[in-house]
Amino acid sequence: MKTILITLSIILFACGKTLERPSETSSFHPSYDHTMESSFYDFKMKDINGQEVDFSSFKGKKLLIVNVASKCGYTKQYAQLQELYANHSDKIVVLGFPANNFGGQEPGSNEEIKEFCSTEYGVTFPMFEKVSVKGFDKHPLYRWLSDAKQNGWNNEEPSWNFCKYFINEKGELVKFFPSSVTPLDEQILKLIEA
């Protein structure tokens, strides 16, 4: 009987190791080719229409990167993001990244998200395909944004929908803002004007 229990314990231990999910720090992303980006401008991603966008096209521009969701208490920030983009598009580009990581608040398809943003908020700033912004399947862009070894200083990942990362004209991450900081907050406006 003792031998059987030991054997079962060994089998369960081995199965547990095999079924283990990748760790939070894993670079796994199911649809990504794992080459390491050394700078923000190395990224290429599909927009919400499925067209590839080369981030080198953003050289010389300030950027506000936001993980967005359509069923969140912060969803009304879409209006301010659009206002910011409309009033300051000569100085900054807003990039929206739909994500369903927090409370299942972005369950829609890319097409549904696009329709919602257009109909409800008149969004004209660039929107990208839905990605994961935290966890084992975090998209490499968000790994770069939240890993100081890659971006130079910041380890903060989104804590909820509508967290914001400010990138300067040189492609350097200069500031992280939590969801509670609105797109038209004085801190953001000062960075745009700097």
C-alpha atoms as a PDB file:
ATOM      1  CA  MET A   1       0.000   0.000   0.000  1.00  0.00           C
ATOM      2  CA  LYS A   2       2.838   2.390   0.875  1.00  0.00           C
ATOM      3  CA  THR A   3       4.463   1.725  -2.522  1.00  0.00           C
ATOM      4  CA  ILE A   4       1.205   2.512  -4.318  1.00  0.00           C
ATOM      5  CA  LEU A   5       0.831   5.836  -2.463  1.00  0.00           C
ATOM      6  CA  ILE A   6       4.415   6.817  -3.249  1.00  0.00           C
ATOM      7  CA  THR A   7       3.933   5.908  -6.927  1.00  0.00           C
ATOM      8  CA  LEU A   8       0.679   7.903  -7.095  1.00  0.00           C
ATOM      9  CA  SER A   9       2.382  10.879  -5.437  1.00  0.00           C
ATOM     10  CA  ILE A  10       5.186  10.783  -8.002  1.00  0.00           C
ATOM     11  CA  ILE A  11       2.700  10.566 -10.887  1.00  0.00           C
ATOM     12  CA  LEU A  12       0.606  13.478  -9.540  1.00  0.00           C
ATOM     13  CA  PHE A  13       3.733  15.584  -9.011  1.00  0.00           C
ATOM     14  CA  ALA A  14       4.926  14.858 -12.570  1.00  0.00           C
ATOM     15  CA  CYS A  15       1.485  15.667 -14.037  1.00  0.00           C
ATOM     16  CA  GLY A  16       1.337  18.913 -12.074  1.00  0.00           C
ATOM     17  CA  LYS A  17       4.670  19.991 -13.570  1.00  0.00           C
ATOM     18  CA  THR A  18       3.533  19.143 -17.082  1.00  0.00           C
ATOM     19  CA  LEU A  19       0.262  21.059 -16.773  1.00  0.00           C
ATOM     20  CA  GLU A  20       1.885  24.116 -15.208  1.00  0.00           C
ATOM     21  CA  ARG A  21       1.083  27.356 -17.033  1.00  0.00           C
ATOM     22  CA  PRO A  22       3.863  29.623 -18.199  1.00  0.00           C
ATOM     23  CA  SER A  23       5.004  32.037 -15.497  1.00  0.00           C
ATOM     24  CA  GLU A  24       4.084  35.717 -15.356  1.00  0.00           C
ATOM     25  CA  THR A  25       7.540  36.542 -16.679  1.00  0.00           C
ATOM     26  CA  SER A  26       7.332  34.124 -19.585  1.00  0.00           C
ATOM     27  CA  SER A  27       7.766  35.667 -23.019  1.00  0.00           C
ATOM     28  CA  PHE A  28       5.045  33.411 -24.438  1.00  0.00           C
ATOM     29  CA  HIS A  29       2.567  34.991 -26.795  1.00  0.00           C
ATOM     30  CA  PRO A  30       0.560  32.621 -29.015  1.00  0.00           C
ATOM     31  CA  SER A  31       0.637  34.655 -32.224  1.00  0.00           C
ATOM     32  CA  TYR A  32       4.009  36.323 -31.921  1.00  0.00           C
ATOM     33  CA  ASP A  33       7.423  35.434 -33.270  1.00  0.00           C
ATOM     34  CA  HIS A  34       9.439  35.995 -30.027  1.00  0.00           C
ATOM     35  CA  THR A  35      12.219  38.152 -31.483  1.00  0.00           C
ATOM     36  CA  MET A  36      13.154  40.700 -28.837  1.00  0.00           C
ATOM     37  CA  GLU A  37      12.409  44.330 -29.591  1.00  0.00           C
ATOM     38  CA  SER A  38      15.170  46.586 -28.365  1.00  0.00           C
ATOM     39  CA  SER A  39      13.228  49.796 -28.911  1.00  0.00           C
ATOM     40  CA  PHE A  40       9.653  50.958 -29.183  1.00  0.00           C
ATOM     41  CA  TYR A  41      10.156  51.529 -32.904  1.00  0.00           C
ATOM     42  CA  ASP A  42      10.939  47.846 -33.523  1.00  0.00           C
ATOM     43  CA  PHE A  43       7.320  46.809 -32.976  1.00  0.00           C
ATOM     44  CA  LYS A  44       4.898  45.938 -35.745  1.00  0.00           C
ATOM     45  CA  MET A  45       1.282  45.259 -34.848  1.00  0.00           C
ATOM     46  CA  LYS A  46      -2.057  44.903 -36.570  1.00  0.00           C
ATOM     47  CA  ASP A  47      -4.541  47.710 -36.228  1.00  0.00           C
ATOM     48  CA  ILE A  48      -8.216  47.055 -35.555  1.00  0.00           C
ATOM     49  CA  ASN A  49      -8.786  46.598 -39.326  1.00  0.00           C
ATOM     50  CA  GLY A  50      -6.100  43.909 -39.565  1.00  0.00           C
ATOM     51  CA  GLN A  51      -3.526  46.133 -41.318  1.00  0.00           C
ATOM     52  CA  GLU A  52       0.058  45.930 -40.073  1.00  0.00           C
ATOM     53  CA  VAL A  53       1.426  49.117 -38.520  1.00  0.00           C
ATOM     54  CA  ASP A  54       5.189  49.610 -38.304  1.00  0.00           C
ATOM     55  CA  PHE A  55       5.893  51.591 -35.134  1.00  0.00           C
ATOM     56  CA  SER A  56       8.875  53.255 -36.797  1.00  0.00           C
ATOM     57  CA  SER A  57       6.208  55.371 -38.545  1.00  0.00           C
ATOM     58  CA  PHE A  58       5.692  57.120 -35.172  1.00  0.00           C
ATOM     59  CA  LYS A  59       9.275  58.430 -35.006  1.00  0.00           C
ATOM     60  CA  GLY A  60       9.381  62.095 -34.022  1.00  0.00           C
ATOM     61  CA  LYS A  61       5.883  62.005 -32.449  1.00  0.00           C
ATOM     62  CA  LYS A  62       4.732  61.963 -28.843  1.00  0.00           C
ATOM     63  CA  LEU A  63       2.410  59.050 -28.071  1.00  0.00           C
ATOM     64  CA  LEU A  64      -0.145  58.153 -25.432  1.00  0.00           C
ATOM     65  CA  ILE A  65      -0.679  54.395 -25.265  1.00  0.00           C
ATOM     66  CA  VAL A  66      -3.894  53.302 -23.531  1.00  0.00           C
ATOM     67  CA  ASN A  67      -5.398  49.888 -22.793  1.00  0.00           C
ATOM     68  CA  VAL A  68      -9.102  50.416 -23.442  1.00  0.00           C
ATOM     69  CA  ALA A  69     -12.370  48.574 -22.759  1.00  0.00           C
ATOM     70  CA  SER A  70     -15.987  49.236 -23.718  1.00  0.00           C
ATOM     71  CA  LYS A  71     -17.786  48.082 -20.554  1.00  0.00           C
ATOM     72  CA  CYS A  72     -15.748  49.772 -17.838  1.00  0.00           C
ATOM     73  CA  GLY A  73     -16.436  52.613 -15.410  1.00  0.00           C
ATOM     74  CA  TYR A  74     -13.590  54.427 -17.163  1.00  0.00           C
ATOM     75  CA  THR A  75     -14.988  53.865 -20.689  1.00  0.00           C
ATOM     76  CA  LYS A  76     -16.154  57.500 -20.788  1.00  0.00           C
ATOM     77  CA  GLN A  77     -12.450  58.390 -21.047  1.00  0.00           C
ATOM     78  CA  TYR A  78     -12.797  57.542 -24.751  1.00  0.00           C
ATOM     79  CA  ALA A  79     -14.412  60.991 -25.129  1.00  0.00           C
ATOM     80  CA  GLN A  80     -11.404  62.744 -23.565  1.00  0.00           C
ATOM     81  CA  LEU A  81      -8.950  60.609 -25.539  1.00  0.00           C
ATOM     82  CA  GLN A  82     -10.709  61.676 -28.732  1.00  0.00           C
ATOM     83  CA  GLU A  83     -10.752  65.319 -27.605  1.00  0.00           C
ATOM     84  CA  LEU A  84      -7.039  65.164 -26.778  1.00  0.00           C
ATOM     85  CA  TYR A  85      -6.283  63.649 -30.172  1.00  0.00           C
ATOM     86  CA  ALA A  86      -8.507  66.105 -32.059  1.00  0.00           C
ATOM     87  CA  ASN A  87      -7.065  69.179 -30.321  1.00  0.00           C
ATOM     88  CA  HIS A  88      -3.401  68.134 -30.195  1.00  0.00           C
ATOM     89  CA  SER A  89      -2.897  65.749 -33.140  1.00  0.00           C
ATOM     90  CA  ASP A  90      -0.112  67.994 -34.401  1.00  0.00           C
ATOM     91  CA  LYS A  91       1.850  67.126 -31.223  1.00  0.00           C
ATOM     92  CA  ILE A  92       0.622  63.712 -30.025  1.00  0.00           C
ATOM     93  CA  VAL A  93      -0.925  60.487 -31.324  1.00  0.00           C
ATOM     94  CA  VAL A  94      -3.228  58.426 -29.102  1.00  0.00           C
ATOM     95  CA  LEU A  95      -2.957  54.651 -29.596  1.00  0.00           C
ATOM     96  CA  GLY A  96      -5.789  52.492 -28.222  1.00  0.00           C
ATOM     97  CA  PHE A  97      -5.253  48.827 -27.340  1.00  0.00           C
ATOM     98  CA  PRO A  98      -8.455  46.952 -26.452  1.00  0.00           C
ATOM     99  CA  ALA A  99      -7.875  44.338 -23.746  1.00  0.00           C
ATOM    100  CA  ASN A 100     -10.152  41.970 -21.841  1.00  0.00           C
ATOM    101  CA  ASN A 101      -7.845  41.477 -18.834  1.00  0.00           C
ATOM    102  CA  PHE A 102      -9.918  43.239 -16.200  1.00  0.00           C
ATOM    103  CA  GLY A 103     -13.353  41.988 -15.220  1.00  0.00           C
ATOM    104  CA  GLY A 104     -14.140  40.739 -18.733  1.00  0.00           C
ATOM    105  CA  GLN A 105     -14.953  44.339 -19.667  1.00  0.00           C
ATOM    106  CA  GLU A 106     -13.869  44.050 -23.309  1.00  0.00           C
ATOM    107  CA  PRO A 107     -15.588  40.886 -24.535  1.00  0.00           C
ATOM    108  CA  GLY A 108     -16.220  42.101 -28.094  1.00  0.00           C
ATOM    109  CA  SER A 109     -14.518  41.180 -31.348  1.00  0.00           C
ATOM    110  CA  ASN A 110     -12.290  43.698 -33.124  1.00  0.00           C
ATOM    111  CA  GLU A 111     -15.212  44.540 -35.424  1.00  0.00           C
ATOM    112  CA  GLU A 112     -17.584  45.088 -32.481  1.00  0.00           C
ATOM    113  CA  ILE A 113     -15.026  47.241 -30.670  1.00  0.00           C
ATOM    114  CA  LYS A 114     -14.461  49.345 -33.798  1.00  0.00           C
ATOM    115  CA  GLU A 115     -18.227  49.849 -34.226  1.00  0.00           C
ATOM    116  CA  PHE A 116     -18.669  50.784 -30.551  1.00  0.00           C
ATOM    117  CA  CYS A 117     -15.815  53.323 -30.599  1.00  0.00           C
ATOM    118  CA  SER A 118     -17.025  54.922 -33.805  1.00  0.00           C
ATOM    119  CA  THR A 119     -20.722  55.044 -32.896  1.00  0.00           C
ATOM    120  CA  GLU A 120     -20.498  55.963 -29.217  1.00  0.00           C
ATOM    121  CA  TYR A 121     -17.418  58.206 -29.137  1.00  0.00           C
ATOM    122  CA  GLY A 122     -16.523  59.144 -32.726  1.00  0.00           C
ATOM    123  CA  VAL A 123     -13.022  57.736 -32.241  1.00  0.00           C
ATOM    124  CA  THR A 124     -10.595  58.669 -35.022  1.00  0.00           C
ATOM    125  CA  PHE A 125      -7.300  57.941 -33.260  1.00  0.00           C
ATOM    126  CA  PRO A 126      -5.523  54.676 -34.163  1.00  0.00           C
ATOM    127  CA  MET A 127      -7.017  51.564 -32.565  1.00  0.00           C
ATOM    128  CA  PHE A 128      -5.274  48.189 -32.580  1.00  0.00           C
ATOM    129  CA  GLU A 129      -6.436  44.601 -32.459  1.00  0.00           C
ATOM    130  CA  LYS A 130      -7.393  43.238 -29.058  1.00  0.00           C
ATOM    131  CA  VAL A 131      -4.381  42.089 -27.010  1.00  0.00           C
ATOM    132  CA  SER A 132      -3.534  40.899 -23.522  1.00  0.00           C
ATOM    133  CA  VAL A 133      -1.830  43.556 -21.387  1.00  0.00           C
ATOM    134  CA  LYS A 134      -0.924  41.397 -18.383  1.00  0.00           C
ATOM    135  CA  GLY A 135      -0.495  37.764 -17.398  1.00  0.00           C
ATOM    136  CA  PHE A 136       1.281  34.852 -19.039  1.00  0.00           C
ATOM    137  CA  ASP A 137       0.064  35.845 -22.514  1.00  0.00           C
ATOM    138  CA  LYS A 138       0.916  39.564 -22.184  1.00  0.00           C
ATOM    139  CA  HIS A 139       1.670  41.019 -25.609  1.00  0.00           C
ATOM    140  CA  PRO A 140       5.372  41.830 -26.184  1.00  0.00           C
ATOM    141  CA  LEU A 141       4.548  45.555 -26.497  1.00  0.00           C
ATOM    142  CA  TYR A 142       3.131  45.533 -22.974  1.00  0.00           C
ATOM    143  CA  ARG A 143       6.086  43.453 -21.792  1.00  0.00           C
ATOM    144  CA  TRP A 144       8.341  46.226 -23.124  1.00  0.00           C
ATOM    145  CA  LEU A 145       6.218  48.949 -21.498  1.00  0.00           C
ATOM    146  CA  SER A 146       6.222  47.232 -18.078  1.00  0.00           C
ATOM    147  CA  ASP A 147       9.754  45.799 -17.865  1.00  0.00           C
ATOM    148  CA  ALA A 148      12.532  48.165 -16.757  1.00  0.00           C
ATOM    149  CA  LYS A 149      15.142  45.926 -18.385  1.00  0.00           C
ATOM    150  CA  GLN A 150      13.509  46.666 -21.743  1.00  0.00           C
ATOM    151  CA  ASN A 151      12.208  50.246 -21.402  1.00  0.00           C
ATOM    152  CA  GLY A 152      14.917  51.602 -19.087  1.00  0.00           C
ATOM    153  CA  TRP A 153      13.007  52.379 -15.869  1.00  0.00           C
ATOM    154  CA  ASN A 154       9.374  51.290 -15.535  1.00  0.00           C
ATOM    155  CA  ASN A 155       8.049  48.009 -14.082  1.00  0.00           C
ATOM    156  CA  GLU A 156       4.400  49.065 -13.728  1.00  0.00           C
ATOM    157  CA  GLU A 157       1.915  47.113 -15.797  1.00  0.00           C
ATOM    158  CA  PRO A 158      -1.717  48.135 -16.200  1.00  0.00           C
ATOM    159  CA  SER A 159      -3.640  47.694 -12.962  1.00  0.00           C
ATOM    160  CA  TRP A 160      -6.999  48.221 -14.706  1.00  0.00           C
ATOM    161  CA  ASN A 161      -8.460  49.483 -17.996  1.00  0.00           C
ATOM    162  CA  PHE A 162      -7.375  52.916 -19.271  1.00  0.00           C
ATOM    163  CA  CYS A 163      -3.853  52.984 -17.837  1.00  0.00           C
ATOM    164  CA  LYS A 164      -1.619  55.255 -19.899  1.00  0.00           C
ATOM    165  CA  TYR A 165       2.007  55.225 -21.049  1.00  0.00           C
ATOM    166  CA  PHE A 166       3.561  58.399 -22.449  1.00  0.00           C
ATOM    167  CA  ILE A 167       6.277  57.971 -25.097  1.00  0.00           C
ATOM    168  CA  ASN A 168       8.392  60.942 -26.198  1.00  0.00           C
ATOM    169  CA  GLU A 169       9.531  61.857 -29.731  1.00  0.00           C
ATOM    170  CA  LYS A 170      12.606  59.636 -29.379  1.00  0.00           C
ATOM    171  CA  GLY A 171      10.584  56.517 -28.597  1.00  0.00           C
ATOM    172  CA  GLU A 172      11.443  56.651 -24.889  1.00  0.00           C
ATOM    173  CA  LEU A 173       8.898  55.782 -22.225  1.00  0.00           C
ATOM    174  CA  VAL A 174       8.767  58.818 -19.950  1.00  0.00           C
ATOM    175  CA  LYS A 175       5.691  58.359 -17.741  1.00  0.00           C
ATOM    176  CA  PHE A 176       3.095  55.838 -16.569  1.00  0.00           C
ATOM    177  CA  PHE A 177      -0.364  57.026 -15.499  1.00  0.00           C
ATOM    178  CA  PRO A 178      -2.972  54.889 -13.706  1.00  0.00           C
ATOM    179  CA  SER A 179      -6.608  54.760 -14.886  1.00  0.00           C
ATOM    180  CA  SER A 180      -7.644  57.523 -12.492  1.00  0.00           C
ATOM    181  CA  VAL A 181      -5.519  60.087 -14.368  1.00  0.00           C
ATOM    182  CA  THR A 182      -7.774  61.349 -17.144  1.00  0.00           C
ATOM    183  CA  PRO A 183      -6.510  62.025 -20.675  1.00  0.00           C
ATOM    184  CA  LEU A 184      -6.938  65.801 -20.226  1.00  0.00           C
ATOM    185  CA  ASP A 185      -5.158  65.886 -16.869  1.00  0.00           C
ATOM    186  CA  GLU A 186      -2.673  68.755 -16.451  1.00  0.00           C
ATOM    187  CA  GLN A 187       0.225  66.255 -16.114  1.00  0.00           C
ATOM    188  CA  ILE A 188      -0.452  64.873 -19.592  1.00  0.00           C
ATOM    189  CA  LEU A 189      -1.070  68.290 -21.151  1.00  0.00           C
ATOM    190  CA  LYS A 190       2.267  69.561 -19.755  1.00  0.00           C
ATOM    191  CA  LEU A 191       4.118  66.608 -21.301  1.00  0.00           C
ATOM    192  CA  ILE A 192       2.490  67.344 -24.664  1.00  0.00           C
ATOM    193  CA  GLU A 193       3.570  70.976 -24.524  1.00  0.00           C
ATOM    194  CA  ALA A 194       7.094  70.282 -23.197  1.00  0.00           C
END
